[in-house]
């Protein structure tokens, strides 16, 4: 079965497709996609994962056509805020 694995960092996104056997898990999809090598900062012990925007566990089985997503904390750097709303 084919599934996608998606991850995004500022200025760098990836959506990789992978062929998996029936009964494969989210973790197997992530590992076999090669995304961990492409983004070595991914830490599956601390980052949440999901399928189509719904959180799940790494041992959750995937289904044909699923999009596995690896989430990272959203951060805002207020020092770069050049939008002057005080005018």
PDB file of N, CA and C in Angstrom:
ATOM      1  N   UNK A   1       0.843  -1.174   0.000  1.00  0.00           N
ATOM      2  CA  UNK A   1       0.000   0.000   0.000  1.00  0.00           C
ATOM      3  C   UNK A   1       0.885   1.233   0.000  1.00  0.00           C
ATOM      4  N   UNK A   2       0.377   2.325  -0.550  1.00  0.00           N
ATOM      5  CA  UNK A   2       1.132   3.572  -0.616  1.00  0.00           C
ATOM      6  C   UNK A   2       0.588   4.558   0.400  1.00  0.00           C
ATOM      7  N   UNK A   3       1.516   5.195   1.144  1.00  0.00           N
ATOM      8  CA  UNK A   3       1.158   6.267   2.076  1.00  0.00           C
ATOM      9  C   UNK A   3       2.167   7.397   1.890  1.00  0.00           C
ATOM     10  N   UNK A   4       1.801   8.575   2.375  1.00  0.00           N
ATOM     11  CA  UNK A   4       2.692   9.720   2.338  1.00  0.00           C
ATOM     12  C   UNK A   4       3.156  10.055   3.745  1.00  0.00           C
ATOM     13  N   UNK A   5       4.332  10.639   3.836  1.00  0.00           N
ATOM     14  CA  UNK A   5       4.869  11.111   5.116  1.00  0.00           C
ATOM     15  C   UNK A   5       5.241  12.572   4.918  1.00  0.00           C
ATOM     16  N   UNK A   6       4.687  13.451   5.765  1.00  0.00           N
ATOM     17  CA  UNK A   6       4.887  14.891   5.606  1.00  0.00           C
ATOM     18  C   UNK A   6       5.536  15.492   6.841  1.00  0.00           C
ATOM     19  N   UNK A   7       6.426  16.468   6.574  1.00  0.00           N
ATOM     20  CA  UNK A   7       7.067  17.222   7.647  1.00  0.00           C
ATOM     21  C   UNK A   7       7.452  18.577   7.093  1.00  0.00           C
ATOM     22  N   UNK A   8       7.427  19.588   7.955  1.00  0.00           N
ATOM     23  CA  UNK A   8       7.751  20.931   7.512  1.00  0.00           C
ATOM     24  C   UNK A   8       8.554  21.667   8.571  1.00  0.00           C
ATOM     25  N   UNK A   9       9.579  22.350   8.109  1.00  0.00           N
ATOM     26  CA  UNK A   9      10.346  23.285   8.919  1.00  0.00           C
ATOM     27  C   UNK A   9      10.310  24.612   8.173  1.00  0.00           C
ATOM     28  N   UNK A  10      10.626  25.705   8.830  1.00  0.00           N
ATOM     29  CA  UNK A  10      10.639  26.982   8.108  1.00  0.00           C
ATOM     30  C   UNK A  10      11.540  26.906   6.871  1.00  0.00           C
ATOM     31  N   UNK A  11      10.959  27.154   5.726  1.00  0.00           N
ATOM     32  CA  UNK A  11      11.712  27.149   4.482  1.00  0.00           C
ATOM     33  C   UNK A  11      12.040  25.792   3.900  1.00  0.00           C
ATOM     34  N   UNK A  12      11.552  24.712   4.506  1.00  0.00           N
ATOM     35  CA  UNK A  12      11.877  23.378   4.013  1.00  0.00           C
ATOM     36  C   UNK A  12      10.751  22.409   4.356  1.00  0.00           C
ATOM     37  N   UNK A  13      10.076  21.927   3.338  1.00  0.00           N
ATOM     38  CA  UNK A  13       8.990  20.977   3.539  1.00  0.00           C
ATOM     39  C   UNK A  13       9.265  19.713   2.725  1.00  0.00           C
ATOM     40  N   UNK A  14       8.673  18.623   3.195  1.00  0.00           N
ATOM     41  CA  UNK A  14       8.806  17.371   2.451  1.00  0.00           C
ATOM     42  C   UNK A  14       7.521  16.570   2.568  1.00  0.00           C
ATOM     43  N   UNK A  15       7.140  15.961   1.467  1.00  0.00           N
ATOM     44  CA  UNK A  15       6.058  14.993   1.446  1.00  0.00           C
ATOM     45  C   UNK A  15       6.578  13.822   0.633  1.00  0.00           C
ATOM     46  N   UNK A  16       6.919  12.763   1.330  1.00  0.00           N
ATOM     47  CA  UNK A  16       7.532  11.600   0.707  1.00  0.00           C
ATOM     48  C   UNK A  16       6.530  10.449   0.647  1.00  0.00           C
ATOM     49  N   UNK A  17       6.521   9.761  -0.452  1.00  0.00           N
ATOM     50  CA  UNK A  17       5.632   8.597  -0.596  1.00  0.00           C
ATOM     51  C   UNK A  17       6.437   7.333  -0.347  1.00  0.00           C
ATOM     52  N   UNK A  18       5.762   6.368   0.266  1.00  0.00           N
ATOM     53  CA  UNK A  18       6.439   5.120   0.597  1.00  0.00           C
ATOM     54  C   UNK A  18       5.469   3.959   0.362  1.00  0.00           C
ATOM     55  N   UNK A  19       6.013   2.848  -0.083  1.00  0.00           N
ATOM     56  CA  UNK A  19       5.246   1.610  -0.286  1.00  0.00           C
ATOM     57  C   UNK A  19       5.462   0.733   0.937  1.00  0.00           C
ATOM     58  N   UNK A  20       4.367   0.307   1.551  1.00  0.00           N
ATOM     59  CA  UNK A  20       4.427  -0.488   2.783  1.00  0.00           C
ATOM     60  C   UNK A  20       3.553  -1.730   2.670  1.00  0.00           C
ATOM     61  N   UNK A  21       3.862  -2.753   3.444  1.00  0.00           N
ATOM     62  CA  UNK A  21       2.988  -3.926   3.477  1.00  0.00           C
ATOM     63  C   UNK A  21       1.736  -3.639   4.311  1.00  0.00           C
ATOM     64  N   UNK A  22       0.701  -4.392   4.079  1.00  0.00           N
ATOM     65  CA  UNK A  22      -0.513  -4.281   4.895  1.00  0.00           C
ATOM     66  C   UNK A  22      -0.144  -4.484   6.358  1.00  0.00           C
ATOM     67  N   UNK A  23      -0.779  -3.729   7.245  1.00  0.00           N
ATOM     68  CA  UNK A  23      -0.519  -3.854   8.670  1.00  0.00           C
ATOM     69  C   UNK A  23       0.639  -3.007   9.164  1.00  0.00           C
ATOM     70  N   UNK A  24       1.267  -2.228   8.267  1.00  0.00           N
ATOM     71  CA  UNK A  24       2.390  -1.376   8.670  1.00  0.00           C
ATOM     72  C   UNK A  24       1.890  -0.275   9.607  1.00  0.00           C
ATOM     73  N   UNK A  25       2.802   0.243  10.418  1.00  0.00           N
ATOM     74  CA  UNK A  25       2.467   1.264  11.410  1.00  0.00           C
ATOM     75  C   UNK A  25       2.971   2.639  10.975  1.00  0.00           C
ATOM     76  N   UNK A  26       2.533   3.652  11.712  1.00  0.00           N
ATOM     77  CA  UNK A  26       2.997   5.016  11.491  1.00  0.00           C
ATOM     78  C   UNK A  26       4.518   5.069  11.611  1.00  0.00           C
ATOM     79  N   UNK A  27       5.071   4.432  12.625  1.00  0.00           N
ATOM     80  CA  UNK A  27       6.524   4.446  12.809  1.00  0.00           C
ATOM     81  C   UNK A  27       7.230   3.801  11.627  1.00  0.00           C
ATOM     82  N   UNK A  28       6.723   2.695  11.131  1.00  0.00           N
ATOM     83  CA  UNK A  28       7.340   2.043   9.977  1.00  0.00           C
ATOM     84  C   UNK A  28       7.282   2.942   8.746  1.00  0.00           C
ATOM     85  N   UNK A  29       6.177   3.648   8.571  1.00  0.00           N
ATOM     86  CA  UNK A  29       6.052   4.569   7.441  1.00  0.00           C
ATOM     87  C   UNK A  29       7.099   5.666   7.536  1.00  0.00           C
ATOM     88  N   UNK A  30       7.258   6.244   8.733  1.00  0.00           N
ATOM     89  CA  UNK A  30       8.237   7.315   8.939  1.00  0.00           C
ATOM     90  C   UNK A  30       9.646   6.796   8.676  1.00  0.00           C
ATOM     91  N   UNK A  31       9.983   5.664   9.257  1.00  0.00           N
ATOM     92  CA  UNK A  31      11.338   5.120   9.109  1.00  0.00           C
ATOM     93  C   UNK A  31      11.646   4.755   7.667  1.00  0.00           C
ATOM     94  N   UNK A  32      10.712   4.131   6.977  1.00  0.00           N
ATOM     95  CA  UNK A  32      10.968   3.676   5.615  1.00  0.00           C
ATOM     96  C   UNK A  32      10.927   4.813   4.597  1.00  0.00           C
ATOM     97  N   UNK A  33      10.338   5.948   4.960  1.00  0.00           N
ATOM     98  CA  UNK A  33      10.259   7.066   4.026  1.00  0.00           C
ATOM     99  C   UNK A  33      11.607   7.755   3.826  1.00  0.00           C
ATOM    100  N   UNK A  34      12.515   7.622   4.791  1.00  0.00           N
ATOM    101  CA  UNK A  34      13.796   8.310   4.726  1.00  0.00           C
ATOM    102  C   UNK A  34      13.751   9.731   5.274  1.00  0.00           C
ATOM    103  N   UNK A  35      12.620  10.132   5.811  1.00  0.00           N
ATOM    104  CA  UNK A  35      12.480  11.508   6.298  1.00  0.00           C
ATOM    105  C   UNK A  35      13.367  11.789   7.511  1.00  0.00           C
ATOM    106  N   UNK A  36      13.670  10.757   8.298  1.00  0.00           N
ATOM    107  CA  UNK A  36      14.525  10.958   9.472  1.00  0.00           C
ATOM    108  C   UNK A  36      15.955  11.298   9.064  1.00  0.00           C
ATOM    109  N   UNK A  37      16.390  10.804   7.924  1.00  0.00           N
ATOM    110  CA  UNK A  37      17.717  11.152   7.417  1.00  0.00           C
ATOM    111  C   UNK A  37      17.703  12.549   6.809  1.00  0.00           C
ATOM    112  N   UNK A  38      16.616  12.903   6.190  1.00  0.00           N
ATOM    113  CA  UNK A  38      16.493  14.216   5.554  1.00  0.00           C
ATOM    114  C   UNK A  38      16.369  15.336   6.586  1.00  0.00           C
ATOM    115  N   UNK A  39      15.721  15.045   7.710  1.00  0.00           N
ATOM    116  CA  UNK A  39      15.534  16.009   8.796  1.00  0.00           C
ATOM    117  C   UNK A  39      16.053  15.374  10.092  1.00  0.00           C
ATOM    118  N   UNK A  40      17.351  15.394  10.334  1.00  0.00           N
ATOM    119  CA  UNK A  40      17.905  14.712  11.503  1.00  0.00           C
ATOM    120  C   UNK A  40      17.458  15.291  12.838  1.00  0.00           C
ATOM    121  N   UNK A  41      16.862  16.460  12.834  1.00  0.00           N
ATOM    122  CA  UNK A  41      16.374  17.058  14.077  1.00  0.00           C
ATOM    123  C   UNK A  41      15.050  16.495  14.562  1.00  0.00           C
ATOM    124  N   UNK A  42      14.403  15.650  13.773  1.00  0.00           N
ATOM    125  CA  UNK A  42      13.138  15.042  14.203  1.00  0.00           C
ATOM    126  C   UNK A  42      13.417  14.125  15.383  1.00  0.00           C
ATOM    127  N   UNK A  43      12.626  14.274  16.427  1.00  0.00           N
ATOM    128  CA  UNK A  43      12.760  13.454  17.637  1.00  0.00           C
ATOM    129  C   UNK A  43      11.406  12.806  17.927  1.00  0.00           C
ATOM    130  N   UNK A  44      11.240  11.584  17.485  1.00  0.00           N
ATOM    131  CA  UNK A  44       9.950  10.906  17.633  1.00  0.00           C
ATOM    132  C   UNK A  44       9.603  10.610  19.088  1.00  0.00           C
ATOM    133  N   UNK A  45      10.589  10.696  19.993  1.00  0.00           N
ATOM    134  CA  UNK A  45      10.289  10.517  21.411  1.00  0.00           C
ATOM    135  C   UNK A  45       9.562  11.734  21.983  1.00  0.00           C
ATOM    136  N   UNK A  46       9.716  12.890  21.339  1.00  0.00           N
ATOM    137  CA  UNK A  46       9.118  14.115  21.865  1.00  0.00           C
ATOM    138  C   UNK A  46       8.106  14.777  20.940  1.00  0.00           C
ATOM    139  N   UNK A  47       8.200  14.516  19.640  1.00  0.00           N
ATOM    140  CA  UNK A  47       7.283  15.150  18.702  1.00  0.00           C
ATOM    141  C   UNK A  47       6.047  14.281  18.497  1.00  0.00           C
ATOM    142  N   UNK A  48       4.926  14.962  18.321  1.00  0.00           N
ATOM    143  CA  UNK A  48       3.675  14.257  18.076  1.00  0.00           C
ATOM    144  C   UNK A  48       3.571  13.899  16.604  1.00  0.00           C
ATOM    145  N   UNK A  49       2.784  12.874  16.329  1.00  0.00           N
ATOM    146  CA  UNK A  49       2.522  12.446  14.964  1.00  0.00           C
ATOM    147  C   UNK A  49       1.016  12.300  14.790  1.00  0.00           C
ATOM    148  N   UNK A  50       0.598  12.260  13.533  1.00  0.00           N
ATOM    149  CA  UNK A  50      -0.817  12.099  13.261  1.00  0.00           C
ATOM    150  C   UNK A  50      -1.048  11.639  11.843  1.00  0.00           C
ATOM    151  N   UNK A  51      -2.308  11.394  11.543  1.00  0.00           N
ATOM    152  CA  UNK A  51      -2.744  11.047  10.199  1.00  0.00           C
ATOM    153  C   UNK A  51      -3.849  12.026   9.836  1.00  0.00           C
ATOM    154  N   UNK A  52      -3.629  12.773   8.758  1.00  0.00           N
ATOM    155  CA  UNK A  52      -4.597  13.789   8.304  1.00  0.00           C
ATOM    156  C   UNK A  52      -5.033  14.722   9.432  1.00  0.00           C
ATOM    157  N   UNK A  53      -4.090  15.204  10.226  1.00  0.00           N
ATOM    158  CA  UNK A  53      -4.386  16.210  11.236  1.00  0.00           C
ATOM    159  C   UNK A  53      -4.950  15.686  12.538  1.00  0.00           C
ATOM    160  N   UNK A  54      -5.039  14.380  12.701  1.00  0.00           N
ATOM    161  CA  UNK A  54      -5.535  13.790  13.949  1.00  0.00           C
ATOM    162  C   UNK A  54      -4.385  13.057  14.622  1.00  0.00           C
ATOM    163  N   UNK A  55      -4.096  13.451  15.864  1.00  0.00           N
ATOM    164  CA  UNK A  55      -3.010  12.819  16.595  1.00  0.00           C
ATOM    165  C   UNK A  55      -3.216  11.310  16.698  1.00  0.00           C
ATOM    166  N   UNK A  56      -2.118  10.587  16.645  1.00  0.00           N
ATOM    167  CA  UNK A  56      -2.149   9.140  16.846  1.00  0.00           C
ATOM    168  C   UNK A  56      -0.814   8.717  17.440  1.00  0.00           C
ATOM    169  N   UNK A  57      -0.700   7.453  17.754  1.00  0.00           N
ATOM    170  CA  UNK A  57       0.542   6.901  18.307  1.00  0.00           C
ATOM    171  C   UNK A  57       1.360   6.276  17.187  1.00  0.00           C
ATOM    172  N   UNK A  58       2.637   6.096  17.458  1.00  0.00           N
ATOM    173  CA  UNK A  58       3.533   5.524  16.460  1.00  0.00           C
ATOM    174  C   UNK A  58       3.149   4.108  16.062  1.00  0.00           C
ATOM    175  N   UNK A  59       2.477   3.379  16.955  1.00  0.00           N
ATOM    176  CA  UNK A  59       2.101   2.002  16.626  1.00  0.00           C
ATOM    177  C   UNK A  59       0.737   1.902  15.946  1.00  0.00           C
ATOM    178  N   UNK A  60       0.148   3.050  15.612  1.00  0.00           N
ATOM    179  CA  UNK A  60      -1.136   3.071  14.912  1.00  0.00           C
ATOM    180  C   UNK A  60      -0.950   2.508  13.498  1.00  0.00           C
ATOM    181  N   UNK A  61      -1.799   1.590  13.059  1.00  0.00           N
ATOM    182  CA  UNK A  61      -1.670   1.082  11.688  1.00  0.00           C
ATOM    183  C   UNK A  61      -2.058   2.150  10.667  1.00  0.00           C
ATOM    184  N   UNK A  62      -1.415   2.114   9.525  1.00  0.00           N
ATOM    185  CA  UNK A  62      -1.760   3.023   8.435  1.00  0.00           C
ATOM    186  C   UNK A  62      -2.595   2.286   7.403  1.00  0.00           C
ATOM    187  N   UNK A  63      -3.304   3.093   6.595  1.00  0.00           N
ATOM    188  CA  UNK A  63      -4.131   2.539   5.537  1.00  0.00           C
ATOM    189  C   UNK A  63      -3.729   3.161   4.207  1.00  0.00           C
ATOM    190  N   UNK A  64      -4.074   2.498   3.137  1.00  0.00           N
ATOM    191  CA  UNK A  64      -3.791   2.987   1.789  1.00  0.00           C
ATOM    192  C   UNK A  64      -4.186   4.459   1.665  1.00  0.00           C
ATOM    193  N   UNK A  65      -3.242   5.274   1.176  1.00  0.00           N
ATOM    194  CA  UNK A  65      -3.520   6.681   0.911  1.00  0.00           C
ATOM    195  C   UNK A  65      -3.389   7.614   2.101  1.00  0.00           C
ATOM    196  N   UNK A  66      -3.087   7.088   3.294  1.00  0.00           N
ATOM    197  CA  UNK A  66      -2.937   7.956   4.472  1.00  0.00           C
ATOM    198  C   UNK A  66      -1.794   8.943   4.279  1.00  0.00           C
ATOM    199  N   UNK A  67      -1.926  10.108   4.941  1.00  0.00           N
ATOM    200  CA  UNK A  67      -0.834  11.073   5.014  1.00  0.00           C
ATOM    201  C   UNK A  67      -0.383  11.129   6.470  1.00  0.00           C
ATOM    202  N   UNK A  68       0.767  10.554   6.741  1.00  0.00           N
ATOM    203  CA  UNK A  68       1.352  10.573   8.078  1.00  0.00           C
ATOM    204  C   UNK A  68       2.055  11.918   8.238  1.00  0.00           C
ATOM    205  N   UNK A  69       1.798  12.576   9.367  1.00  0.00           N
ATOM    206  CA  UNK A  69       2.360  13.900   9.608  1.00  0.00           C
ATOM    207  C   UNK A  69       3.178  13.887  10.898  1.00  0.00           C
ATOM    208  N   UNK A  70       4.312  14.544  10.848  1.00  0.00           N
ATOM    209  CA  UNK A  70       5.155  14.713  12.034  1.00  0.00           C
ATOM    210  C   UNK A  70       5.048  16.181  12.415  1.00  0.00           C
ATOM    211  N   UNK A  71       4.624  16.445  13.642  1.00  0.00           N
ATOM    212  CA  UNK A  71       4.387  17.817  14.076  1.00  0.00           C
ATOM    213  C   UNK A  71       5.572  18.343  14.869  1.00  0.00           C
ATOM    214  N   UNK A  72       5.789  19.629  14.774  1.00  0.00           N
ATOM    215  CA  UNK A  72       6.812  20.298  15.558  1.00  0.00           C
ATOM    216  C   UNK A  72       6.148  21.460  16.290  1.00  0.00           C
ATOM    217  N   UNK A  73       6.763  21.929  17.361  1.00  0.00           N
ATOM    218  CA  UNK A  73       6.179  23.071  18.067  1.00  0.00           C
ATOM    219  C   UNK A  73       6.153  24.304  17.161  1.00  0.00           C
ATOM    220  N   UNK A  74       5.105  25.057  17.264  1.00  0.00           N
ATOM    221  CA  UNK A  74       5.022  26.314  16.523  1.00  0.00           C
ATOM    222  C   UNK A  74       5.741  27.376  17.340  1.00  0.00           C
ATOM    223  N   UNK A  75       6.662  28.058  16.708  1.00  0.00           N
ATOM    224  CA  UNK A  75       7.410  29.098  17.403  1.00  0.00           C
ATOM    225  C   UNK A  75       7.290  30.402  16.625  1.00  0.00           C
ATOM    226  N   UNK A  76       7.306  31.492  17.347  1.00  0.00           N
ATOM    227  CA  UNK A  76       7.241  32.810  16.745  1.00  0.00           C
ATOM    228  C   UNK A  76       8.406  33.623  17.276  1.00  0.00           C
ATOM    229  N   UNK A  77       9.146  34.227  16.388  1.00  0.00           N
ATOM    230  CA  UNK A  77      10.245  35.096  16.791  1.00  0.00           C
ATOM    231  C   UNK A  77       9.757  36.530  16.693  1.00  0.00           C
ATOM    232  N   UNK A  78       9.362  37.102  17.811  1.00  0.00           N
ATOM    233  CA  UNK A  78       8.799  38.445  17.823  1.00  0.00           C
ATOM    234  C   UNK A  78       9.830  39.518  17.494  1.00  0.00           C
ATOM    235  N   UNK A  79      11.104  39.205  17.586  1.00  0.00           N
ATOM    236  CA  UNK A  79      12.125  40.195  17.233  1.00  0.00           C
ATOM    237  C   UNK A  79      12.132  40.483  15.737  1.00  0.00           C
ATOM    238  N   UNK A  80      11.578  39.590  14.929  1.00  0.00           N
ATOM    239  CA  UNK A  80      11.494  39.804  13.492  1.00  0.00           C
ATOM    240  C   UNK A  80      10.218  40.510  13.067  1.00  0.00           C
ATOM    241  N   UNK A  81       9.389  40.887  14.021  1.00  0.00           N
ATOM    242  CA  UNK A  81       8.098  41.516  13.720  1.00  0.00           C
ATOM    243  C   UNK A  81       8.335  42.956  13.301  1.00  0.00           C
ATOM    244  N   UNK A  82       8.340  43.195  11.991  1.00  0.00           N
ATOM    245  CA  UNK A  82       8.523  44.554  11.492  1.00  0.00           C
ATOM    246  C   UNK A  82       7.204  45.216  11.143  1.00  0.00           C
ATOM    247  N   UNK A  83       6.111  44.568  11.450  1.00  0.00           N
ATOM    248  CA  UNK A  83       4.791  45.122  11.201  1.00  0.00           C
ATOM    249  C   UNK A  83       4.468  46.108  12.336  1.00  0.00           C
ATOM    250  N   UNK A  84       4.570  47.365  12.029  1.00  0.00           N
ATOM    251  CA  UNK A  84       4.371  48.412  13.028  1.00  0.00           C
ATOM    252  C   UNK A  84       2.907  48.801  13.051  1.00  0.00           C
ATOM    253  N   UNK A  85       2.151  48.233  13.986  1.00  0.00           N
ATOM    254  CA  UNK A  85       0.734  48.521  14.094  1.00  0.00           C
ATOM    255  C   UNK A  85       0.469  49.785  14.913  1.00  0.00           C
ATOM    256  N   UNK A  86       1.520  50.458  15.372  1.00  0.00           N
ATOM    257  CA  UNK A  86       1.332  51.633  16.233  1.00  0.00           C
ATOM    258  C   UNK A  86       1.050  52.897  15.432  1.00  0.00           C
ATOM    259  N   UNK A  87       1.146  52.860  14.106  1.00  0.00           N
ATOM    260  CA  UNK A  87       0.940  54.087  13.314  1.00  0.00           C
ATOM    261  C   UNK A  87      -0.502  54.449  13.248  1.00  0.00           C
TER     262      UNK A  87
END
